[in-house]
Protein backbone atom coordinates (compact mmCIF):
# COMPACT_ATOMS: atom_id res chain seq x y z
CA UNK A 1 -9.37 8.67 3.18
CA UNK A 2 -11.02 4.72 2.07
CA UNK A 3 -13.33 5.67 -0.76
CA UNK A 4 -10.31 7.58 -1.73
CA UNK A 5 -7.86 4.45 -2.01
CA UNK A 6 -11.05 2.40 -3.53
CA UNK A 7 -10.88 4.06 -6.37
CA UNK A 8 -7.72 5.10 -7.02
CA UNK A 9 -7.03 1.56 -7.78
CA UNK A 10 -10.22 1.22 -9.43
CA UNK A 11 -9.63 3.98 -11.78
CA UNK A 12 -5.87 2.23 -11.99
CA UNK A 13 -7.51 -0.94 -13.07
CA UNK A 14 -3.60 -3.16 -13.01
CA UNK A 15 -3.84 -4.93 -9.70
CA UNK A 16 -5.98 -7.03 -8.41
CA UNK A 17 -6.74 -6.35 -4.99
CA UNK A 18 -7.43 -9.69 -2.76
CA UNK A 19 -7.86 -7.60 0.26
CA UNK A 20 -9.02 -4.40 0.96
CA UNK A 21 -8.51 -3.56 4.92
CA UNK A 22 -9.85 -0.05 6.27
CA UNK A 23 -7.88 0.52 9.52
CA UNK A 24 -10.17 3.26 11.93
CA UNK A 25 -9.89 5.04 8.67
CA UNK A 26 -6.82 5.73 8.91
CA UNK A 27 -4.98 3.26 7.62
CA UNK A 28 -5.73 1.43 4.63
CA UNK A 29 -3.89 -1.34 3.65
CA UNK A 30 -4.13 -3.43 0.28
CA UNK A 31 -3.51 -7.11 -0.23
CA UNK A 32 -2.51 -7.26 -4.03
CA UNK A 33 -1.60 -10.40 -5.11
CA UNK A 34 0.15 -11.49 -8.22
CA UNK A 35 0.69 -7.90 -9.94
CA UNK A 36 3.93 -6.00 -12.33
CA UNK A 37 6.54 -4.32 -11.16
CA UNK A 38 5.59 -1.68 -12.70
CA UNK A 39 1.64 -1.39 -12.21
CA UNK A 40 2.65 -1.54 -8.73
CA UNK A 41 4.77 1.55 -8.99
CA UNK A 42 2.22 2.96 -10.73
CA UNK A 43 -0.53 2.60 -8.91
CA UNK A 44 1.65 3.81 -5.36
CA UNK A 45 1.96 6.75 -7.96
CA UNK A 46 -1.03 7.28 -8.17
CA UNK A 47 -2.22 7.27 -4.58
CA UNK A 48 0.94 9.41 -3.68
CA UNK A 49 -0.03 12.44 -5.13
CA UNK A 50 -3.77 12.07 -4.02
CA UNK A 51 -4.51 14.56 -1.64
CA UNK A 52 -4.70 13.14 2.04
CA UNK A 53 -2.82 10.61 1.77
CA UNK A 54 0.80 11.11 3.83
CA UNK A 55 3.28 7.95 2.95
CA UNK A 56 2.18 4.16 0.85
CA UNK A 57 4.47 1.53 1.70
CA UNK A 58 5.41 -1.85 0.09
CA UNK A 59 5.14 -4.72 3.44
CA UNK A 60 6.01 -8.09 2.61
CA UNK A 61 4.85 -10.88 3.37
CA UNK A 62 5.78 -14.90 3.12
CA UNK A 63 4.56 -17.57 1.93
CA UNK A 64 1.92 -18.99 5.47
CA UNK A 65 1.49 -14.55 5.14
CA UNK A 66 3.60 -13.35 7.90
CA UNK A 67 5.21 -9.75 7.60
CA UNK A 68 8.72 -9.92 7.34
CA UNK A 69 9.86 -6.57 5.48
CA UNK A 70 8.70 -3.62 5.46
CA UNK A 71 9.73 0.09 4.38
CA UNK A 72 9.07 3.02 5.90
CA UNK A 73 9.52 7.72 6.20
CA UNK A 74 10.67 7.91 9.52
CA UNK A 75 14.33 7.39 10.11
CA UNK A 76 14.93 4.83 12.83
CA UNK A 77 17.76 5.84 15.41
CA UNK A 78 19.25 3.30 17.32
CA UNK A 79 21.24 3.97 20.56
CA UNK A 80 24.12 2.19 21.00
């Protein structure tokens, strides 16, 4: 899966990938900085049509690199 993601990113060429993390060949995380919104949306569209990729989602980081939020395709039910 990681090779497929890398090939889409290289072919797209509109974003600067600072770091590429392949986590157990099941989850790939890209550190993209300074990209235009439309370039990110286009890259996400290209990744979502790639065979073997089930879901893409942005993760938001603060200035120190700490995760401050993300998106998921899961519905989370809170029991109150």
